[in-house]
Amino acid sequence: MAETDFRLNLDVGGKRFENAALGLRFLAARSESAILDLTPIARREMIDILDTVVDAMRQRHSTRWRWGRRMPEGETQGKLQKRSGAGLAVLRPKIKQGNEEVAGTIVVPFPLSVHETGATIRSRVKLLAIPLQAALDSRGMPKKRGPRAWRNTFVARSKKGNLLIFQKKDGKIIPLYVLKKQVKIPKRLGMGVTMDKAAPIYIERVFDKAVRHLQKVM
């Protein structure tokens, strides 16, 4: 009976292996290396998508402050008036990268975070002093640290029955603060909703670049 010499050659990444076992080991090592190379790709895309979310937040809440202007509420349509701009300016993406995973967050500092979740702020001892137009500058920021920083003030009720802090100045009575037991802050920031909308875009981008990367190196 005649014997036939059978050899299995393996081509991997432009290299030919006469020994198939060696070729398979090379392929496995190359595949593992290629998969690990996907982590930096995921990191770059994570940074890019989080930067896009931050930019969207700054654009959405860019309306300049004006006394008496009513802004829409809600996670999707809500808007904040821009005062000093410091709150949105500190928004920065943070990335944590391991060997095989990438995690990204955007830290929303207090008090900006209150506008994300909404809240009812209650006074435990004293009443809350809410500044009125005369106590605010052109940006909507308080002119002074609080009611005690103003001179010649007194407390009285307005014609509508609200408890106010007034100032006597140049023969005029100027309302500075309204006193409240509690204040309701509605949801307006919408960071979570924006992140949810960005998530599928991020996944699509990473998947597309991962496929291209693997096709290139394999």
N, C-alpha and C. Protein backbone atom coordinates (compact mmCIF):
# COMPACT_ATOMS: atom_id res chain seq x y z
N MET A 1 0.85 -1.19 0.00
CA MET A 1 0.00 0.00 0.00
C MET A 1 0.88 1.23 0.00
N ALA A 2 0.59 2.12 -0.89
CA ALA A 2 1.39 3.35 -1.00
C ALA A 2 1.01 4.31 0.11
N GLU A 3 2.01 5.02 0.61
CA GLU A 3 1.77 6.02 1.65
C GLU A 3 1.87 7.42 1.05
N THR A 4 1.00 8.28 1.46
CA THR A 4 0.99 9.66 0.97
C THR A 4 1.47 10.60 2.07
N ASP A 5 2.45 11.41 1.75
CA ASP A 5 2.98 12.38 2.72
C ASP A 5 2.06 13.60 2.74
N PHE A 6 1.39 13.82 3.88
CA PHE A 6 0.43 14.94 3.99
C PHE A 6 1.00 16.00 4.92
N ARG A 7 1.09 17.23 4.43
CA ARG A 7 1.59 18.34 5.24
C ARG A 7 0.55 19.47 5.24
N LEU A 8 0.40 20.07 6.41
CA LEU A 8 -0.54 21.19 6.55
C LEU A 8 0.26 22.46 6.80
N ASN A 9 0.19 23.37 5.84
CA ASN A 9 0.85 24.67 6.00
C ASN A 9 -0.20 25.69 6.45
N LEU A 10 0.28 26.68 7.17
CA LEU A 10 -0.64 27.69 7.71
C LEU A 10 -0.07 29.08 7.46
N ASP A 11 -0.86 29.93 6.81
CA ASP A 11 -0.46 31.32 6.57
C ASP A 11 -1.18 32.21 7.58
N VAL A 12 -0.40 32.99 8.33
CA VAL A 12 -0.95 33.90 9.33
C VAL A 12 -0.27 35.25 9.20
N GLY A 13 -1.05 36.26 8.87
CA GLY A 13 -0.50 37.61 8.81
C GLY A 13 0.68 37.75 7.87
N GLY A 14 0.63 37.05 6.74
CA GLY A 14 1.73 37.15 5.78
C GLY A 14 2.88 36.20 6.06
N LYS A 15 2.79 35.43 7.11
CA LYS A 15 3.84 34.46 7.44
C LYS A 15 3.33 33.04 7.18
N ARG A 16 4.23 32.21 6.61
CA ARG A 16 3.86 30.82 6.33
C ARG A 16 4.54 29.91 7.35
N PHE A 17 3.75 29.03 7.92
CA PHE A 17 4.25 28.07 8.90
C PHE A 17 4.12 26.66 8.34
N GLU A 18 5.26 25.99 8.21
CA GLU A 18 5.24 24.60 7.77
C GLU A 18 4.66 23.72 8.88
N ASN A 19 4.89 24.14 10.12
CA ASN A 19 4.36 23.42 11.28
C ASN A 19 3.06 24.10 11.70
N ALA A 20 1.95 23.42 11.49
CA ALA A 20 0.64 24.02 11.76
C ALA A 20 0.47 24.38 13.24
N ALA A 21 1.03 23.56 14.12
CA ALA A 21 0.91 23.82 15.55
C ALA A 21 1.56 25.15 15.92
N LEU A 22 2.74 25.38 15.34
CA LEU A 22 3.42 26.66 15.59
C LEU A 22 2.59 27.82 15.04
N GLY A 23 2.00 27.61 13.88
CA GLY A 23 1.17 28.65 13.28
C GLY A 23 -0.04 28.98 14.12
N LEU A 24 -0.66 27.94 14.69
CA LEU A 24 -1.84 28.17 15.54
C LEU A 24 -1.47 28.90 16.83
N ARG A 25 -0.29 28.56 17.39
CA ARG A 25 0.15 29.26 18.59
C ARG A 25 0.44 30.73 18.29
N PHE A 26 1.04 30.97 17.13
CA PHE A 26 1.31 32.35 16.72
C PHE A 26 0.00 33.11 16.53
N LEU A 27 -1.00 32.44 15.92
CA LEU A 27 -2.30 33.07 15.70
C LEU A 27 -2.97 33.41 17.03
N ALA A 28 -2.88 32.49 17.98
CA ALA A 28 -3.49 32.73 19.29
C ALA A 28 -2.84 33.92 20.00
N ALA A 29 -1.50 33.96 19.94
CA ALA A 29 -0.79 35.08 20.58
C ALA A 29 -1.12 36.39 19.91
N ARG A 30 -1.20 36.35 18.58
CA ARG A 30 -1.51 37.57 17.84
C ARG A 30 -2.95 38.02 18.11
N SER A 31 -3.85 37.07 18.23
CA SER A 31 -5.25 37.41 18.52
C SER A 31 -5.37 38.05 19.89
N GLU A 32 -4.66 37.49 20.87
CA GLU A 32 -4.70 38.05 22.23
C GLU A 32 -4.14 39.46 22.24
N SER A 33 -3.04 39.67 21.52
CA SER A 33 -2.44 41.01 21.45
C SER A 33 -3.38 41.98 20.75
N ALA A 34 -4.04 41.52 19.69
CA ALA A 34 -4.96 42.39 18.95
C ALA A 34 -6.15 42.79 19.81
N ILE A 35 -6.63 41.84 20.62
CA ILE A 35 -7.77 42.14 21.50
C ILE A 35 -7.37 43.15 22.57
N LEU A 36 -6.17 42.99 23.14
CA LEU A 36 -5.69 43.95 24.14
C LEU A 36 -5.52 45.33 23.53
N ASP A 37 -5.19 45.38 22.24
CA ASP A 37 -5.04 46.67 21.56
C ASP A 37 -6.38 47.41 21.43
N LEU A 38 -7.48 46.72 21.65
CA LEU A 38 -8.79 47.36 21.55
C LEU A 38 -9.08 48.28 22.74
N THR A 39 -8.40 48.05 23.87
CA THR A 39 -8.64 48.88 25.05
C THR A 39 -8.30 50.34 24.80
N PRO A 40 -7.12 50.66 24.21
CA PRO A 40 -6.85 52.07 23.90
C PRO A 40 -7.86 52.67 22.92
N ILE A 41 -8.36 51.85 21.99
CA ILE A 41 -9.37 52.33 21.06
C ILE A 41 -10.64 52.71 21.82
N ALA A 42 -11.05 51.84 22.73
CA ALA A 42 -12.24 52.12 23.54
C ALA A 42 -12.03 53.36 24.40
N ARG A 43 -10.82 53.55 24.89
CA ARG A 43 -10.52 54.71 25.74
C ARG A 43 -10.63 56.01 24.94
N ARG A 44 -10.03 56.01 23.74
CA ARG A 44 -10.08 57.22 22.90
C ARG A 44 -11.52 57.58 22.55
N GLU A 45 -12.31 56.58 22.20
CA GLU A 45 -13.70 56.83 21.85
C GLU A 45 -14.51 57.28 23.07
N MET A 46 -14.16 56.74 24.24
CA MET A 46 -14.84 57.13 25.48
C MET A 46 -14.59 58.61 25.78
N ILE A 47 -13.33 59.03 25.67
CA ILE A 47 -12.99 60.44 25.90
C ILE A 47 -13.74 61.33 24.92
N ASP A 48 -13.78 60.92 23.66
CA ASP A 48 -14.42 61.73 22.63
C ASP A 48 -15.92 61.86 22.88
N ILE A 49 -16.58 60.77 23.25
CA ILE A 49 -18.04 60.83 23.43
C ILE A 49 -18.39 61.60 24.69
N LEU A 50 -17.57 61.50 25.75
CA LEU A 50 -17.84 62.26 26.97
C LEU A 50 -17.60 63.75 26.76
N ASP A 51 -16.58 64.08 25.97
CA ASP A 51 -16.36 65.49 25.61
C ASP A 51 -17.56 66.04 24.84
N THR A 52 -18.13 65.21 23.98
CA THR A 52 -19.30 65.62 23.21
C THR A 52 -20.49 65.89 24.14
N VAL A 53 -20.65 65.05 25.16
CA VAL A 53 -21.74 65.23 26.12
C VAL A 53 -21.56 66.53 26.90
N VAL A 54 -20.33 66.80 27.34
CA VAL A 54 -20.04 68.04 28.08
C VAL A 54 -20.33 69.25 27.20
N ASP A 55 -19.89 69.20 25.94
CA ASP A 55 -20.16 70.32 25.02
C ASP A 55 -21.67 70.51 24.83
N ALA A 56 -22.40 69.41 24.75
CA ALA A 56 -23.86 69.50 24.59
C ALA A 56 -24.50 70.16 25.81
N MET A 57 -24.00 69.85 27.00
CA MET A 57 -24.53 70.45 28.22
C MET A 57 -24.27 71.96 28.23
N ARG A 58 -23.08 72.35 27.86
CA ARG A 58 -22.74 73.78 27.87
C ARG A 58 -23.54 74.55 26.83
N GLN A 59 -23.79 73.92 25.69
CA GLN A 59 -24.58 74.56 24.65
C GLN A 59 -26.05 74.66 25.07
N ARG A 60 -26.56 73.62 25.66
CA ARG A 60 -27.98 73.57 26.07
C ARG A 60 -28.29 74.62 27.13
N HIS A 61 -27.35 74.83 28.04
CA HIS A 61 -27.59 75.74 29.17
C HIS A 61 -26.81 77.04 29.01
N SER A 62 -26.82 77.58 27.81
CA SER A 62 -26.03 78.78 27.51
C SER A 62 -26.85 80.07 27.49
N THR A 63 -28.16 79.97 27.77
CA THR A 63 -29.00 81.16 27.78
C THR A 63 -28.59 82.10 28.90
N ARG A 64 -28.29 83.33 28.56
CA ARG A 64 -27.84 84.29 29.58
C ARG A 64 -28.97 84.62 30.54
N TRP A 65 -28.57 84.84 31.79
CA TRP A 65 -29.54 85.11 32.84
C TRP A 65 -30.26 86.44 32.62
N ARG A 66 -31.56 86.43 32.91
CA ARG A 66 -32.35 87.65 32.90
C ARG A 66 -33.44 87.50 33.95
N TRP A 67 -33.60 88.52 34.78
CA TRP A 67 -34.59 88.45 35.85
C TRP A 67 -36.00 88.25 35.29
N GLY A 68 -36.72 87.32 35.86
CA GLY A 68 -38.09 87.07 35.45
C GLY A 68 -38.24 86.11 34.29
N ARG A 69 -37.15 85.71 33.67
CA ARG A 69 -37.24 84.78 32.54
C ARG A 69 -37.57 83.38 33.05
N ARG A 70 -38.57 82.77 32.46
CA ARG A 70 -38.96 81.41 32.84
C ARG A 70 -38.32 80.41 31.88
N MET A 71 -37.68 79.43 32.46
CA MET A 71 -37.00 78.41 31.66
C MET A 71 -37.78 77.09 31.73
N PRO A 72 -37.76 76.33 30.64
CA PRO A 72 -38.47 75.04 30.63
C PRO A 72 -37.86 74.05 31.62
N GLU A 73 -38.71 73.18 32.15
CA GLU A 73 -38.27 72.17 33.10
C GLU A 73 -38.24 70.80 32.44
N GLY A 74 -37.65 69.84 33.14
CA GLY A 74 -37.63 68.46 32.66
C GLY A 74 -36.25 68.00 32.25
N GLU A 75 -36.07 66.67 32.20
CA GLU A 75 -34.77 66.10 31.87
C GLU A 75 -34.41 66.28 30.40
N THR A 76 -35.42 66.30 29.52
CA THR A 76 -35.13 66.37 28.09
C THR A 76 -35.23 67.79 27.53
N GLN A 77 -36.15 68.60 28.05
CA GLN A 77 -36.37 69.94 27.52
C GLN A 77 -35.89 71.04 28.47
N GLY A 78 -35.56 70.69 29.69
CA GLY A 78 -35.18 71.70 30.68
C GLY A 78 -33.91 72.46 30.33
N LYS A 79 -33.87 73.71 30.74
CA LYS A 79 -32.70 74.55 30.51
C LYS A 79 -32.42 75.40 31.74
N LEU A 80 -31.13 75.64 31.97
CA LEU A 80 -30.70 76.53 33.04
C LEU A 80 -30.21 77.83 32.44
N GLN A 81 -30.42 78.92 33.15
CA GLN A 81 -29.86 80.18 32.71
C GLN A 81 -28.38 80.25 33.11
N LYS A 82 -27.57 80.77 32.23
CA LYS A 82 -26.14 80.89 32.50
C LYS A 82 -25.89 82.13 33.35
N ARG A 83 -25.26 81.92 34.49
CA ARG A 83 -24.91 83.03 35.38
C ARG A 83 -23.41 83.27 35.29
N SER A 84 -22.64 82.76 36.24
CA SER A 84 -21.19 82.93 36.16
C SER A 84 -20.57 81.96 35.16
N GLY A 85 -21.25 80.84 34.91
CA GLY A 85 -20.71 79.82 34.01
C GLY A 85 -19.74 78.87 34.69
N ALA A 86 -19.48 79.09 35.98
CA ALA A 86 -18.49 78.28 36.70
C ALA A 86 -18.93 76.83 36.86
N GLY A 87 -20.23 76.61 37.06
CA GLY A 87 -20.71 75.26 37.29
C GLY A 87 -20.45 74.34 36.11
N LEU A 88 -20.83 74.77 34.91
CA LEU A 88 -20.62 73.96 33.72
C LEU A 88 -19.16 73.92 33.30
N ALA A 89 -18.40 74.95 33.69
CA ALA A 89 -16.99 75.01 33.30
C ALA A 89 -16.17 73.90 33.96
N VAL A 90 -16.59 73.43 35.13
CA VAL A 90 -15.81 72.42 35.85
C VAL A 90 -16.14 71.00 35.41
N LEU A 91 -17.11 70.83 34.54
CA LEU A 91 -17.44 69.49 34.06
C LEU A 91 -16.28 68.93 33.25
N ARG A 92 -15.76 67.80 33.68
CA ARG A 92 -14.65 67.17 32.99
C ARG A 92 -14.85 65.65 32.99
N PRO A 93 -14.61 65.00 31.85
CA PRO A 93 -14.68 63.54 31.82
C PRO A 93 -13.53 62.93 32.62
N LYS A 94 -13.80 61.83 33.30
CA LYS A 94 -12.77 61.07 34.00
C LYS A 94 -12.78 59.64 33.48
N ILE A 95 -11.59 59.14 33.14
CA ILE A 95 -11.46 57.82 32.55
C ILE A 95 -10.65 56.92 33.46
N LYS A 96 -11.16 55.72 33.71
CA LYS A 96 -10.40 54.69 34.42
C LYS A 96 -10.18 53.52 33.46
N GLN A 97 -8.91 53.17 33.25
CA GLN A 97 -8.59 52.14 32.28
C GLN A 97 -7.85 50.99 32.95
N GLY A 98 -8.37 49.78 32.78
CA GLY A 98 -7.69 48.57 33.23
C GLY A 98 -7.09 47.86 32.03
N ASN A 99 -6.66 46.63 32.24
CA ASN A 99 -6.07 45.87 31.14
C ASN A 99 -7.11 45.52 30.07
N GLU A 100 -8.33 45.27 30.50
CA GLU A 100 -9.34 44.81 29.56
C GLU A 100 -10.64 45.60 29.63
N GLU A 101 -10.66 46.72 30.35
CA GLU A 101 -11.90 47.48 30.45
C GLU A 101 -11.61 48.97 30.60
N VAL A 102 -12.58 49.75 30.19
CA VAL A 102 -12.50 51.20 30.28
C VAL A 102 -13.81 51.70 30.89
N ALA A 103 -13.70 52.57 31.88
CA ALA A 103 -14.89 53.15 32.51
C ALA A 103 -14.78 54.67 32.46
N GLY A 104 -15.85 55.32 32.06
CA GLY A 104 -15.83 56.78 31.96
C GLY A 104 -16.97 57.40 32.75
N THR A 105 -16.70 58.53 33.38
CA THR A 105 -17.72 59.24 34.14
C THR A 105 -17.56 60.74 33.93
N ILE A 106 -18.64 61.46 34.18
CA ILE A 106 -18.60 62.92 34.23
C ILE A 106 -19.11 63.31 35.62
N VAL A 107 -18.23 63.88 36.41
CA VAL A 107 -18.59 64.27 37.77
C VAL A 107 -19.33 65.60 37.74
N VAL A 108 -20.53 65.61 38.28
CA VAL A 108 -21.34 66.83 38.35
C VAL A 108 -21.29 67.34 39.79
N PRO A 109 -20.58 68.44 40.05
CA PRO A 109 -20.41 68.91 41.42
C PRO A 109 -21.67 69.58 41.97
N PHE A 110 -21.75 69.65 43.29
CA PHE A 110 -22.82 70.39 43.96
C PHE A 110 -22.50 71.88 43.84
N PRO A 111 -23.46 72.75 43.60
CA PRO A 111 -24.91 72.51 43.59
C PRO A 111 -25.49 72.18 42.22
N LEU A 112 -24.62 72.09 41.20
CA LEU A 112 -25.14 71.79 39.86
C LEU A 112 -25.86 70.44 39.84
N SER A 113 -25.39 69.50 40.66
CA SER A 113 -25.99 68.17 40.70
C SER A 113 -27.45 68.20 41.13
N VAL A 114 -27.84 69.21 41.89
CA VAL A 114 -29.23 69.33 42.33
C VAL A 114 -30.16 69.50 41.14
N HIS A 115 -29.68 70.18 40.10
CA HIS A 115 -30.50 70.42 38.91
C HIS A 115 -30.60 69.16 38.05
N GLU A 116 -29.75 68.18 38.29
CA GLU A 116 -29.84 66.90 37.58
C GLU A 116 -30.92 66.02 38.20
N THR A 117 -30.95 65.94 39.50
CA THR A 117 -31.88 65.05 40.19
C THR A 117 -33.17 65.74 40.62
N GLY A 118 -33.11 67.07 40.78
CA GLY A 118 -34.23 67.78 41.38
C GLY A 118 -34.23 67.57 42.89
N ALA A 119 -34.74 68.53 43.62
CA ALA A 119 -34.74 68.40 45.08
C ALA A 119 -35.65 69.45 45.70
N THR A 120 -36.04 69.18 46.92
CA THR A 120 -36.74 70.17 47.73
C THR A 120 -35.83 70.53 48.89
N ILE A 121 -35.37 71.77 48.91
CA ILE A 121 -34.45 72.23 49.95
C ILE A 121 -35.27 72.85 51.07
N ARG A 122 -35.10 72.28 52.25
CA ARG A 122 -35.86 72.75 53.42
C ARG A 122 -34.92 73.36 54.45
N SER A 123 -35.42 74.36 55.13
CA SER A 123 -34.66 74.99 56.20
C SER A 123 -34.98 74.29 57.52
N ARG A 124 -33.96 73.87 58.25
CA ARG A 124 -34.17 73.17 59.52
C ARG A 124 -34.39 74.14 60.68
N VAL A 125 -33.71 75.26 60.64
CA VAL A 125 -33.82 76.23 61.74
C VAL A 125 -34.34 77.57 61.21
N LYS A 126 -33.49 78.24 60.44
CA LYS A 126 -33.85 79.55 59.90
C LYS A 126 -34.58 79.39 58.56
N LEU A 127 -35.20 80.45 58.14
CA LEU A 127 -35.84 80.46 56.83
C LEU A 127 -34.78 80.65 55.75
N LEU A 128 -35.08 80.14 54.57
CA LEU A 128 -34.18 80.31 53.43
C LEU A 128 -34.36 81.71 52.86
N ALA A 129 -33.26 82.39 52.63
CA ALA A 129 -33.31 83.74 52.05
C ALA A 129 -33.01 83.65 50.56
N ILE A 130 -34.01 83.87 49.74
CA ILE A 130 -33.88 83.80 48.28
C ILE A 130 -33.68 85.22 47.75
N PRO A 131 -32.53 85.50 47.12
CA PRO A 131 -32.26 86.86 46.65
C PRO A 131 -33.22 87.29 45.54
N LEU A 132 -33.67 88.52 45.63
CA LEU A 132 -34.51 89.13 44.60
C LEU A 132 -33.63 89.96 43.66
N GLN A 133 -34.25 90.60 42.70
CA GLN A 133 -33.50 91.28 41.64
C GLN A 133 -32.50 92.30 42.18
N ALA A 134 -32.90 93.07 43.20
CA ALA A 134 -32.02 94.12 43.72
C ALA A 134 -30.79 93.56 44.41
N ALA A 135 -30.83 92.29 44.81
CA ALA A 135 -29.70 91.67 45.50
C ALA A 135 -28.79 90.91 44.54
N LEU A 136 -29.09 90.98 43.24
CA LEU A 136 -28.32 90.26 42.23
C LEU A 136 -27.64 91.22 41.27
N ASP A 137 -26.48 90.79 40.74
CA ASP A 137 -25.80 91.63 39.75
C ASP A 137 -26.33 91.30 38.35
N SER A 138 -25.69 91.84 37.33
CA SER A 138 -26.17 91.68 35.96
C SER A 138 -26.07 90.24 35.46
N ARG A 139 -25.25 89.41 36.14
CA ARG A 139 -25.12 88.00 35.76
C ARG A 139 -26.10 87.10 36.50
N GLY A 140 -26.80 87.69 37.47
CA GLY A 140 -27.68 86.88 38.29
C GLY A 140 -27.00 86.31 39.51
N MET A 141 -25.80 86.80 39.83
CA MET A 141 -25.06 86.36 41.00
C MET A 141 -25.33 87.29 42.18
N PRO A 142 -25.37 86.74 43.42
CA PRO A 142 -25.61 87.59 44.59
C PRO A 142 -24.55 88.68 44.75
N LYS A 143 -25.00 89.89 45.02
CA LYS A 143 -24.07 91.00 45.23
C LYS A 143 -23.32 90.86 46.55
N LYS A 144 -23.98 90.29 47.54
CA LYS A 144 -23.36 90.12 48.85
C LYS A 144 -23.55 88.68 49.32
N ARG A 145 -22.82 88.31 50.39
CA ARG A 145 -22.83 86.93 50.87
C ARG A 145 -24.18 86.51 51.44
N GLY A 146 -24.94 87.45 51.94
CA GLY A 146 -26.22 87.11 52.52
C GLY A 146 -26.91 88.32 53.10
N PRO A 147 -28.10 88.15 53.67
CA PRO A 147 -28.87 89.28 54.20
C PRO A 147 -28.12 90.13 55.23
N ARG A 148 -27.30 89.50 56.07
CA ARG A 148 -26.61 90.24 57.12
C ARG A 148 -25.53 91.17 56.58
N ALA A 149 -25.15 90.98 55.34
CA ALA A 149 -24.12 91.85 54.74
C ALA A 149 -24.70 93.18 54.28
N TRP A 150 -26.02 93.31 54.30
CA TRP A 150 -26.68 94.55 53.89
C TRP A 150 -27.00 95.41 55.11
N ARG A 151 -26.92 96.70 54.93
CA ARG A 151 -27.23 97.64 56.02
C ARG A 151 -28.67 98.13 55.91
N ASN A 152 -29.16 98.61 57.05
CA ASN A 152 -30.48 99.25 57.11
C ASN A 152 -31.59 98.34 56.56
N THR A 153 -31.61 97.13 57.04
CA THR A 153 -32.62 96.19 56.56
C THR A 153 -33.66 95.89 57.65
N PHE A 154 -34.81 95.43 57.22
CA PHE A 154 -35.85 95.01 58.15
C PHE A 154 -36.73 93.96 57.47
N VAL A 155 -37.46 93.23 58.28
CA VAL A 155 -38.32 92.16 57.77
C VAL A 155 -39.78 92.59 57.87
N ALA A 156 -40.52 92.37 56.80
CA ALA A 156 -41.94 92.70 56.79
C ALA A 156 -42.64 91.86 55.73
N ARG A 157 -43.95 91.84 55.80
CA ARG A 157 -44.71 91.09 54.80
C ARG A 157 -45.12 92.01 53.66
N SER A 158 -45.09 91.44 52.48
CA SER A 158 -45.52 92.20 51.30
C SER A 158 -47.04 92.22 51.23
N LYS A 159 -47.57 92.91 50.25
CA LYS A 159 -49.02 92.97 50.07
C LYS A 159 -49.61 91.60 49.76
N LYS A 160 -48.78 90.73 49.16
CA LYS A 160 -49.24 89.38 48.83
C LYS A 160 -49.08 88.41 50.00
N GLY A 161 -48.53 88.91 51.11
CA GLY A 161 -48.38 88.06 52.29
C GLY A 161 -47.06 87.34 52.40
N ASN A 162 -46.13 87.61 51.47
CA ASN A 162 -44.81 86.97 51.53
C ASN A 162 -43.92 87.69 52.53
N LEU A 163 -43.09 86.91 53.23
CA LEU A 163 -42.15 87.48 54.19
C LEU A 163 -40.89 87.90 53.45
N LEU A 164 -40.57 89.20 53.50
CA LEU A 164 -39.44 89.75 52.75
C LEU A 164 -38.47 90.49 53.66
N ILE A 165 -37.23 90.58 53.19
CA ILE A 165 -36.24 91.45 53.81
C ILE A 165 -36.11 92.69 52.92
N PHE A 166 -36.34 93.84 53.51
CA PHE A 166 -36.27 95.11 52.78
C PHE A 166 -35.06 95.91 53.24
N GLN A 167 -34.66 96.85 52.39
CA GLN A 167 -33.61 97.81 52.76
C GLN A 167 -34.14 99.23 52.59
N LYS A 168 -33.82 100.07 53.58
CA LYS A 168 -34.11 101.49 53.46
C LYS A 168 -32.88 102.18 52.86
N LYS A 169 -33.07 102.81 51.70
CA LYS A 169 -31.94 103.47 51.05
C LYS A 169 -32.43 104.69 50.29
N ASP A 170 -31.86 105.85 50.63
CA ASP A 170 -32.20 107.11 49.95
C ASP A 170 -33.71 107.35 49.94
N GLY A 171 -34.34 107.06 51.04
CA GLY A 171 -35.78 107.30 51.15
C GLY A 171 -36.64 106.28 50.44
N LYS A 172 -36.02 105.21 49.93
CA LYS A 172 -36.76 104.17 49.22
C LYS A 172 -36.74 102.87 50.02
N ILE A 173 -37.75 102.06 49.80
CA ILE A 173 -37.83 100.73 50.40
C ILE A 173 -37.58 99.70 49.29
N ILE A 174 -36.48 98.99 49.41
CA ILE A 174 -36.06 98.07 48.34
C ILE A 174 -36.16 96.62 48.83
N PRO A 175 -36.94 95.78 48.16
CA PRO A 175 -37.00 94.36 48.54
C PRO A 175 -35.72 93.63 48.11
N LEU A 176 -35.08 92.93 49.05
CA LEU A 176 -33.83 92.24 48.76
C LEU A 176 -33.97 90.72 48.72
N TYR A 177 -34.71 90.18 49.68
CA TYR A 177 -34.84 88.72 49.79
C TYR A 177 -36.27 88.34 50.14
N VAL A 178 -36.68 87.19 49.65
CA VAL A 178 -37.93 86.59 50.10
C VAL A 178 -37.57 85.40 50.98
N LEU A 179 -38.24 85.25 52.10
CA LEU A 179 -37.94 84.19 53.05
C LEU A 179 -38.92 83.02 52.87
N LYS A 180 -38.35 81.82 52.73
CA LYS A 180 -39.17 80.63 52.48
C LYS A 180 -38.76 79.50 53.42
N LYS A 181 -39.73 78.66 53.75
CA LYS A 181 -39.43 77.46 54.54
C LYS A 181 -38.77 76.40 53.67
N GLN A 182 -39.13 76.37 52.40
CA GLN A 182 -38.55 75.39 51.49
C GLN A 182 -38.62 75.91 50.06
N VAL A 183 -37.73 75.37 49.24
CA VAL A 183 -37.68 75.74 47.82
C VAL A 183 -37.55 74.46 47.00
N LYS A 184 -38.38 74.34 45.97
CA LYS A 184 -38.33 73.17 45.11
C LYS A 184 -37.48 73.47 43.88
N ILE A 185 -36.48 72.60 43.65
CA ILE A 185 -35.61 72.73 42.48
C ILE A 185 -36.00 71.65 41.48
N PRO A 186 -36.52 72.01 40.31
CA PRO A 186 -36.93 70.99 39.33
C PRO A 186 -35.73 70.42 38.57
N LYS A 187 -35.94 69.28 37.95
CA LYS A 187 -34.91 68.70 37.08
C LYS A 187 -34.79 69.55 35.82
N ARG A 188 -33.54 69.93 35.51
CA ARG A 188 -33.34 70.71 34.30
C ARG A 188 -32.04 70.36 33.57
N LEU A 189 -31.06 69.80 34.29
CA LEU A 189 -29.74 69.61 33.69
C LEU A 189 -29.77 68.61 32.54
N GLY A 190 -30.30 67.41 32.79
CA GLY A 190 -30.44 66.41 31.72
C GLY A 190 -29.16 65.70 31.35
N MET A 191 -28.21 65.59 32.27
CA MET A 191 -26.96 64.90 31.98
C MET A 191 -27.19 63.41 31.72
N GLY A 192 -27.99 62.77 32.57
CA GLY A 192 -28.24 61.34 32.43
C GLY A 192 -28.91 61.00 31.11
N VAL A 193 -29.90 61.79 30.72
CA VAL A 193 -30.61 61.56 29.46
C VAL A 193 -29.66 61.70 28.28
N THR A 194 -28.80 62.71 28.33
CA THR A 194 -27.83 62.93 27.25
C THR A 194 -26.83 61.79 27.17
N MET A 195 -26.40 61.29 28.33
CA MET A 195 -25.48 60.15 28.37
C MET A 195 -26.13 58.90 27.77
N ASP A 196 -27.41 58.69 28.08
CA ASP A 196 -28.13 57.53 27.55
C ASP A 196 -28.22 57.59 26.02
N LYS A 197 -28.41 58.80 25.49
CA LYS A 197 -28.48 58.96 24.03
C LYS A 197 -27.12 58.75 23.38
N ALA A 198 -26.06 59.09 24.11
CA ALA A 198 -24.70 58.98 23.56
C ALA A 198 -24.19 57.54 23.60
N ALA A 199 -24.73 56.71 24.50
CA ALA A 199 -24.22 55.35 24.69
C ALA A 199 -24.24 54.50 23.42
N PRO A 200 -25.37 54.42 22.69
CA PRO A 200 -25.36 53.60 21.47
C PRO A 200 -24.42 54.14 20.39
N ILE A 201 -24.22 55.45 20.36
CA ILE A 201 -23.28 56.03 19.40
C ILE A 201 -21.87 55.57 19.73
N TYR A 202 -21.54 55.57 21.03
CA TYR A 202 -20.22 55.11 21.47
C TYR A 202 -20.01 53.65 21.11
N ILE A 203 -21.00 52.81 21.37
CA ILE A 203 -20.89 51.38 21.08
C ILE A 203 -20.67 51.15 19.59
N GLU A 204 -21.41 51.88 18.77
CA GLU A 204 -21.28 51.74 17.31
C GLU A 204 -19.88 52.14 16.84
N ARG A 205 -19.36 53.24 17.38
CA ARG A 205 -18.03 53.70 16.99
C ARG A 205 -16.95 52.70 17.38
N VAL A 206 -17.02 52.21 18.62
CA VAL A 206 -16.02 51.26 19.10
C VAL A 206 -16.08 49.97 18.29
N PHE A 207 -17.27 49.48 18.03
CA PHE A 207 -17.43 48.24 17.27
C PHE A 207 -16.85 48.39 15.86
N ASP A 208 -17.15 49.52 15.22
CA ASP A 208 -16.66 49.76 13.86
C ASP A 208 -15.13 49.81 13.83
N LYS A 209 -14.53 50.53 14.76
CA LYS A 209 -13.07 50.65 14.78
C LYS A 209 -12.41 49.35 15.22
N ALA A 210 -13.08 48.60 16.09
CA ALA A 210 -12.53 47.31 16.52
C ALA A 210 -12.48 46.33 15.36
N VAL A 211 -13.54 46.28 14.56
CA VAL A 211 -13.57 45.39 13.40
C VAL A 211 -12.47 45.77 12.41
N ARG A 212 -12.32 47.06 12.16
CA ARG A 212 -11.28 47.52 11.23
C ARG A 212 -9.89 47.17 11.75
N HIS A 213 -9.71 47.33 13.06
CA HIS A 213 -8.41 47.03 13.66
C HIS A 213 -8.08 45.55 13.54
N LEU A 214 -9.05 44.70 13.85
CA LEU A 214 -8.81 43.26 13.79
C LEU A 214 -8.58 42.79 12.36
N GLN A 215 -9.30 43.38 11.42
CA GLN A 215 -9.09 43.02 10.01
C GLN A 215 -7.70 43.42 9.54
N LYS A 216 -7.18 44.48 10.11
CA LYS A 216 -5.88 44.98 9.70
C LYS A 216 -4.74 44.13 10.25
N VAL A 217 -4.87 43.69 11.50
CA VAL A 217 -3.75 43.00 12.15
C VAL A 217 -3.81 41.49 12.00
N MET A 218 -4.98 40.95 11.68
CA MET A 218 -5.09 39.49 11.62
C MET A 218 -4.69 38.97 10.23
